[in-house]
Amino acid sequence: MFGMGAPELLVILVLVVLIFGAGKIPELGKGIGEGISNFKKGLRDGNGDDASRLPGDGQGPQNHS
């Protein structure tokens, strides 16, 4: 896995715990999981016609000056 062994992963885990604290890690995991779920839902529900959801006529950027 990218040339990373158990010692490297352990160092990364220790750094994450030191930076975020043990109490924040579950919240962090939940937020990442929700973000991935929303991303997958957006991919599944998207129809590829993003211009129809944008304001304007869909002809590109508008200058509002």
PDB file of N, CA and C in Angstrom:
ATOM      1  N   MET A   1       0.851  -1.178   0.000  1.00  0.00           N
ATOM      2  CA  MET A   1       0.000   0.000   0.000  1.00  0.00           C
ATOM      3  C   MET A   1       0.893   1.235   0.000  1.00  0.00           C
ATOM      4  N   PHE A   2       1.337   1.683  -1.130  1.00  0.00           N
ATOM      5  CA  PHE A   2       2.161   2.869  -1.316  1.00  0.00           C
ATOM      6  C   PHE A   2       3.470   2.779  -0.535  1.00  0.00           C
ATOM      7  N   GLY A   3       3.961   1.588  -0.306  1.00  0.00           N
ATOM      8  CA  GLY A   3       5.211   1.422   0.407  1.00  0.00           C
ATOM      9  C   GLY A   3       5.108   1.748   1.887  1.00  0.00           C
ATOM     10  N   MET A   4       3.894   1.773   2.421  1.00  0.00           N
ATOM     11  CA  MET A   4       3.696   2.092   3.829  1.00  0.00           C
ATOM     12  C   MET A   4       3.437   0.812   4.599  1.00  0.00           C
ATOM     13  N   GLY A   5       4.188   0.608   5.637  1.00  0.00           N
ATOM     14  CA  GLY A   5       4.004  -0.562   6.467  1.00  0.00           C
ATOM     15  C   GLY A   5       3.291  -0.202   7.756  1.00  0.00           C
ATOM     16  N   ALA A   6       3.257  -1.152   8.665  1.00  0.00           N
ATOM     17  CA  ALA A   6       2.591  -0.953   9.945  1.00  0.00           C
ATOM     18  C   ALA A   6       3.215   0.180  10.766  1.00  0.00           C
ATOM     19  N   PRO A   7       4.536   0.309  10.816  1.00  0.00           N
ATOM     20  CA  PRO A   7       5.096   1.419  11.622  1.00  0.00           C
ATOM     21  C   PRO A   7       4.693   2.795  11.108  1.00  0.00           C
ATOM     22  N   GLU A   8       4.658   2.965   9.807  1.00  0.00           N
ATOM     23  CA  GLU A   8       4.270   4.256   9.242  1.00  0.00           C
ATOM     24  C   GLU A   8       2.807   4.572   9.545  1.00  0.00           C
ATOM     25  N   LEU A   9       1.948   3.565   9.382  1.00  0.00           N
ATOM     26  CA  LEU A   9       0.525   3.769   9.664  1.00  0.00           C
ATOM     27  C   LEU A   9       0.298   4.063  11.143  1.00  0.00           C
ATOM     28  N   LEU A  10       1.076   3.428  12.016  1.00  0.00           N
ATOM     29  CA  LEU A  10       0.962   3.681  13.441  1.00  0.00           C
ATOM     30  C   LEU A  10       1.374   5.115  13.776  1.00  0.00           C
ATOM     31  N   VAL A  11       2.428   5.613  13.146  1.00  0.00           N
ATOM     32  CA  VAL A  11       2.850   6.998  13.365  1.00  0.00           C
ATOM     33  C   VAL A  11       1.765   7.965  12.900  1.00  0.00           C
ATOM     34  N   ILE A  12       1.161   7.695  11.763  1.00  0.00           N
ATOM     35  CA  ILE A  12       0.085   8.553  11.261  1.00  0.00           C
ATOM     36  C   ILE A  12      -1.100   8.537  12.220  1.00  0.00           C
ATOM     37  N   LEU A  13      -1.459   7.367  12.722  1.00  0.00           N
ATOM     38  CA  LEU A  13      -2.565   7.258  13.670  1.00  0.00           C
ATOM     39  C   LEU A  13      -2.281   8.044  14.942  1.00  0.00           C
ATOM     40  N   VAL A  14      -1.069   7.956  15.462  1.00  0.00           N
ATOM     41  CA  VAL A  14      -0.693   8.704  16.661  1.00  0.00           C
ATOM     42  C   VAL A  14      -0.770  10.200  16.402  1.00  0.00           C
ATOM     43  N   LEU A  15      -0.313  10.649  15.250  1.00  0.00           N
ATOM     44  CA  LEU A  15      -0.386  12.076  14.910  1.00  0.00           C
ATOM     45  C   LEU A  15      -1.835  12.557  14.826  1.00  0.00           C
ATOM     46  N   VAL A  16      -2.694  11.750  14.234  1.00  0.00           N
ATOM     47  CA  VAL A  16      -4.109  12.122  14.130  1.00  0.00           C
ATOM     48  C   VAL A  16      -4.721  12.246  15.516  1.00  0.00           C
ATOM     49  N   VAL A  17      -4.420  11.304  16.396  1.00  0.00           N
ATOM     50  CA  VAL A  17      -4.947  11.363  17.758  1.00  0.00           C
ATOM     51  C   VAL A  17      -4.418  12.596  18.487  1.00  0.00           C
ATOM     52  N   LEU A  18      -3.151  12.919  18.293  1.00  0.00           N
ATOM     53  CA  LEU A  18      -2.584  14.099  18.949  1.00  0.00           C
ATOM     54  C   LEU A  18      -3.177  15.390  18.424  1.00  0.00           C
ATOM     55  N   ILE A  19      -3.418  15.456  17.129  1.00  0.00           N
ATOM     56  CA  ILE A  19      -3.931  16.690  16.520  1.00  0.00           C
ATOM     57  C   ILE A  19      -5.408  16.893  16.850  1.00  0.00           C
ATOM     58  N   PHE A  20      -6.227  15.858  16.657  1.00  0.00           N
ATOM     59  CA  PHE A  20      -7.676  16.010  16.800  1.00  0.00           C
ATOM     60  C   PHE A  20      -8.185  15.609  18.179  1.00  0.00           C
ATOM     61  N   GLY A  21      -7.456  14.815  18.899  1.00  0.00           N
ATOM     62  CA  GLY A  21      -7.924  14.326  20.186  1.00  0.00           C
ATOM     63  C   GLY A  21      -8.780  13.086  20.002  1.00  0.00           C
ATOM     64  N   ALA A  22      -8.793  12.248  21.012  1.00  0.00           N
ATOM     65  CA  ALA A  22      -9.507  10.972  20.905  1.00  0.00           C
ATOM     66  C   ALA A  22     -11.015  11.159  20.788  1.00  0.00           C
ATOM     67  N   GLY A  23     -11.551  12.227  21.358  1.00  0.00           N
ATOM     68  CA  GLY A  23     -12.994  12.461  21.318  1.00  0.00           C
ATOM     69  C   GLY A  23     -13.498  12.924  19.965  1.00  0.00           C
ATOM     70  N   LYS A  24     -12.649  13.557  19.180  1.00  0.00           N
ATOM     71  CA  LYS A  24     -13.071  14.107  17.880  1.00  0.00           C
ATOM     72  C   LYS A  24     -13.003  13.092  16.750  1.00  0.00           C
ATOM     73  N   ILE A  25     -12.285  12.005  16.933  1.00  0.00           N
ATOM     74  CA  ILE A  25     -12.092  11.044  15.842  1.00  0.00           C
ATOM     75  C   ILE A  25     -13.418  10.432  15.381  1.00  0.00           C
ATOM     76  N   PRO A  26     -14.337  10.023  16.284  1.00  0.00           N
ATOM     77  CA  PRO A  26     -15.623   9.510  15.789  1.00  0.00           C
ATOM     78  C   PRO A  26     -16.422  10.550  15.003  1.00  0.00           C
ATOM     79  N   GLU A  27     -16.382  11.807  15.454  1.00  0.00           N
ATOM     80  CA  GLU A  27     -17.072  12.870  14.726  1.00  0.00           C
ATOM     81  C   GLU A  27     -16.455  13.074  13.347  1.00  0.00           C
ATOM     82  N   LEU A  28     -15.138  12.996  13.297  1.00  0.00           N
ATOM     83  CA  LEU A  28     -14.424  13.144  12.029  1.00  0.00           C
ATOM     84  C   LEU A  28     -14.815  12.021  11.070  1.00  0.00           C
ATOM     85  N   GLY A  29     -14.846  10.797  11.576  1.00  0.00           N
ATOM     86  CA  GLY A  29     -15.239   9.654  10.751  1.00  0.00           C
ATOM     87  C   GLY A  29     -16.668   9.773  10.262  1.00  0.00           C
ATOM     88  N   LYS A  30     -17.554  10.242  11.137  1.00  0.00           N
ATOM     89  CA  LYS A  30     -18.960  10.418  10.753  1.00  0.00           C
ATOM     90  C   LYS A  30     -19.096  11.457   9.648  1.00  0.00           C
ATOM     91  N   GLY A  31     -18.377  12.558   9.793  1.00  0.00           N
ATOM     92  CA  GLY A  31     -18.431  13.612   8.774  1.00  0.00           C
ATOM     93  C   GLY A  31     -17.899  13.143   7.437  1.00  0.00           C
ATOM     94  N   ILE A  32     -16.807  12.390   7.461  1.00  0.00           N
ATOM     95  CA  ILE A  32     -16.249  11.864   6.211  1.00  0.00           C
ATOM     96  C   ILE A  32     -17.221  10.872   5.580  1.00  0.00           C
ATOM     97  N   GLY A  33     -17.819  10.015   6.408  1.00  0.00           N
ATOM     98  CA  GLY A  33     -18.791   9.041   5.890  1.00  0.00           C
ATOM     99  C   GLY A  33     -20.005   9.711   5.267  1.00  0.00           C
ATOM    100  N   GLU A  34     -20.515  10.749   5.926  1.00  0.00           N
ATOM    101  CA  GLU A  34     -21.664  11.476   5.374  1.00  0.00           C
ATOM    102  C   GLU A  34     -21.288  12.169   4.070  1.00  0.00           C
ATOM    103  N   GLY A  35     -20.082  12.711   4.018  1.00  0.00           N
ATOM    104  CA  GLY A  35     -19.638  13.364   2.786  1.00  0.00           C
ATOM    105  C   GLY A  35     -19.535  12.394   1.628  1.00  0.00           C
ATOM    106  N   ILE A  36     -19.005  11.209   1.888  1.00  0.00           N
ATOM    107  CA  ILE A  36     -18.902  10.190   0.844  1.00  0.00           C
ATOM    108  C   ILE A  36     -20.294   9.748   0.403  1.00  0.00           C
ATOM    109  N   SER A  37     -21.215   9.568   1.372  1.00  0.00           N
ATOM    110  CA  SER A  37     -22.578   9.169   1.035  1.00  0.00           C
ATOM    111  C   SER A  37     -23.261  10.216   0.169  1.00  0.00           C
ATOM    112  N   ASN A  38     -23.103  11.492   0.531  1.00  0.00           N
ATOM    113  CA  ASN A  38     -23.704  12.563  -0.271  1.00  0.00           C
ATOM    114  C   ASN A  38     -23.102  12.623  -1.667  1.00  0.00           C
ATOM    115  N   PHE A  39     -21.803  12.394  -1.754  1.00  0.00           N
ATOM    116  CA  PHE A  39     -21.145  12.397  -3.062  1.00  0.00           C
ATOM    117  C   PHE A  39     -21.677  11.275  -3.935  1.00  0.00           C
ATOM    118  N   LYS A  40     -21.792  10.074  -3.371  1.00  0.00           N
ATOM    119  CA  LYS A  40     -22.321   8.941  -4.142  1.00  0.00           C
ATOM    120  C   LYS A  40     -23.772   9.176  -4.541  1.00  0.00           C
ATOM    121  N   LYS A  41     -24.553   9.760  -3.641  1.00  0.00           N
ATOM    122  CA  LYS A  41     -25.957  10.055  -3.956  1.00  0.00           C
ATOM    123  C   LYS A  41     -26.036  11.069  -5.093  1.00  0.00           C
ATOM    124  N   GLY A  42     -25.171  12.075  -5.054  1.00  0.00           N
ATOM    125  CA  GLY A  42     -25.147  13.069  -6.123  1.00  0.00           C
ATOM    126  C   GLY A  42     -24.771  12.463  -7.460  1.00  0.00           C
ATOM    127  N   LEU A  43     -23.826  11.533  -7.448  1.00  0.00           N
ATOM    128  CA  LEU A  43     -23.457  10.857  -8.690  1.00  0.00           C
ATOM    129  C   LEU A  43     -24.601  10.012  -9.219  1.00  0.00           C
ATOM    130  N   ARG A  44     -25.280   9.335  -8.307  1.00  0.00           N
ATOM    131  CA  ARG A  44     -26.371   8.443  -8.714  1.00  0.00           C
ATOM    132  C   ARG A  44     -27.580   9.237  -9.204  1.00  0.00           C
ATOM    133  N   ASP A  45     -27.913  10.329  -8.527  1.00  0.00           N
ATOM    134  CA  ASP A  45     -29.100  11.110  -8.867  1.00  0.00           C
ATOM    135  C   ASP A  45     -28.859  12.128  -9.969  1.00  0.00           C
ATOM    136  N   GLY A  46     -27.616  12.459 -10.237  1.00  0.00           N
ATOM    137  CA  GLY A  46     -27.301  13.469 -11.252  1.00  0.00           C
ATOM    138  C   GLY A  46     -27.677  12.988 -12.639  1.00  0.00           C
ATOM    139  N   ASN A  47     -28.111  13.933 -13.463  1.00  0.00           N
ATOM    140  CA  ASN A  47     -28.490  13.565 -14.826  1.00  0.00           C
ATOM    141  C   ASN A  47     -27.482  14.086 -15.846  1.00  0.00           C
ATOM    142  N   GLY A  48     -26.424  14.724 -15.392  1.00  0.00           N
ATOM    143  CA  GLY A  48     -25.394  15.196 -16.305  1.00  0.00           C
ATOM    144  C   GLY A  48     -25.684  16.559 -16.913  1.00  0.00           C
ATOM    145  N   ASP A  49     -26.867  17.115 -16.695  1.00  0.00           N
ATOM    146  CA  ASP A  49     -27.246  18.402 -17.260  1.00  0.00           C
ATOM    147  C   ASP A  49     -27.181  19.456 -16.158  1.00  0.00           C
ATOM    148  N   ASP A  50     -25.980  19.797 -15.730  1.00  0.00           N
ATOM    149  CA  ASP A  50     -25.800  20.734 -14.637  1.00  0.00           C
ATOM    150  C   ASP A  50     -26.146  22.159 -15.037  1.00  0.00           C
ATOM    151  N   ALA A  51     -26.092  22.500 -16.299  1.00  0.00           N
ATOM    152  CA  ALA A  51     -26.386  23.862 -16.749  1.00  0.00           C
ATOM    153  C   ALA A  51     -27.837  24.238 -16.477  1.00  0.00           C
ATOM    154  N   SER A  52     -28.737  23.260 -16.437  1.00  0.00           N
ATOM    155  CA  SER A  52     -30.147  23.565 -16.206  1.00  0.00           C
ATOM    156  C   SER A  52     -30.389  24.014 -14.766  1.00  0.00           C
ATOM    157  N   ARG A  53     -29.484  23.706 -13.840  1.00  0.00           N
ATOM    158  CA  ARG A  53     -29.660  24.097 -12.452  1.00  0.00           C
ATOM    159  C   ARG A  53     -28.988  25.423 -12.130  1.00  0.00           C
ATOM    160  N   LEU A  54     -28.242  25.987 -13.053  1.00  0.00           N
ATOM    161  CA  LEU A  54     -27.553  27.239 -12.817  1.00  0.00           C
ATOM    162  C   LEU A  54     -28.445  28.416 -13.186  1.00  0.00           C
ATOM    163  N   PRO A  55     -28.288  29.550 -12.475  1.00  0.00           N
ATOM    164  CA  PRO A  55     -29.073  30.727 -12.856  1.00  0.00           C
ATOM    165  C   PRO A  55     -28.628  31.253 -14.221  1.00  0.00           C
ATOM    166  N   GLY A  56     -29.525  31.878 -14.904  1.00  0.00           N
ATOM    167  CA  GLY A  56     -29.198  32.430 -16.220  1.00  0.00           C
ATOM    168  C   GLY A  56     -29.704  31.528 -17.329  1.00  0.00           C
ATOM    169  N   ASP A  57     -29.189  31.765 -18.528  1.00  0.00           N
ATOM    170  CA  ASP A  57     -29.665  31.014 -19.691  1.00  0.00           C
ATOM    171  C   ASP A  57     -28.774  29.825 -20.038  1.00  0.00           C
ATOM    172  N   GLY A  58     -27.762  29.569 -19.241  1.00  0.00           N
ATOM    173  CA  GLY A  58     -26.890  28.434 -19.502  1.00  0.00           C
ATOM    174  C   GLY A  58     -25.873  28.685 -20.591  1.00  0.00           C
ATOM    175  N   GLN A  59     -25.671  29.947 -20.943  1.00  0.00           N
ATOM    176  CA  GLN A  59     -24.754  30.293 -22.028  1.00  0.00           C
ATOM    177  C   GLN A  59     -23.377  30.673 -21.523  1.00  0.00           C
ATOM    178  N   GLY A  60     -23.060  30.380 -20.269  1.00  0.00           N
ATOM    179  CA  GLY A  60     -21.735  30.667 -19.759  1.00  0.00           C
ATOM    180  C   GLY A  60     -21.739  31.726 -18.699  1.00  0.00           C
ATOM    181  N   PRO A  61     -20.558  32.221 -18.342  1.00  0.00           N
ATOM    182  CA  PRO A  61     -20.446  33.214 -17.263  1.00  0.00           C
ATOM    183  C   PRO A  61     -21.130  34.515 -17.628  1.00  0.00           C
ATOM    184  N   GLN A  62     -21.656  35.164 -16.607  1.00  0.00           N
ATOM    185  CA  GLN A  62     -22.342  36.429 -16.816  1.00  0.00           C
ATOM    186  C   GLN A  62     -21.571  37.528 -16.113  1.00  0.00           C
ATOM    187  N   ASN A  63     -21.573  38.703 -16.668  1.00  0.00           N
ATOM    188  CA  ASN A  63     -20.923  39.858 -16.071  1.00  0.00           C
ATOM    189  C   ASN A  63     -21.998  40.733 -15.457  1.00  0.00           C
ATOM    190  N   HIS A  64     -22.005  40.846 -14.120  1.00  0.00           N
ATOM    191  CA  HIS A  64     -23.041  41.600 -13.424  1.00  0.00           C
ATOM    192  C   HIS A  64     -22.587  43.001 -13.053  1.00  0.00           C
ATOM    193  N   SER A  65     -21.714  43.623 -13.822  1.00  0.00           N
ATOM    194  CA  SER A  65     -21.248  44.969 -13.453  1.00  0.00           C
ATOM    195  C   SER A  65     -21.993  46.045 -14.174  1.00  0.00           C
TER     196      SER A  65
END
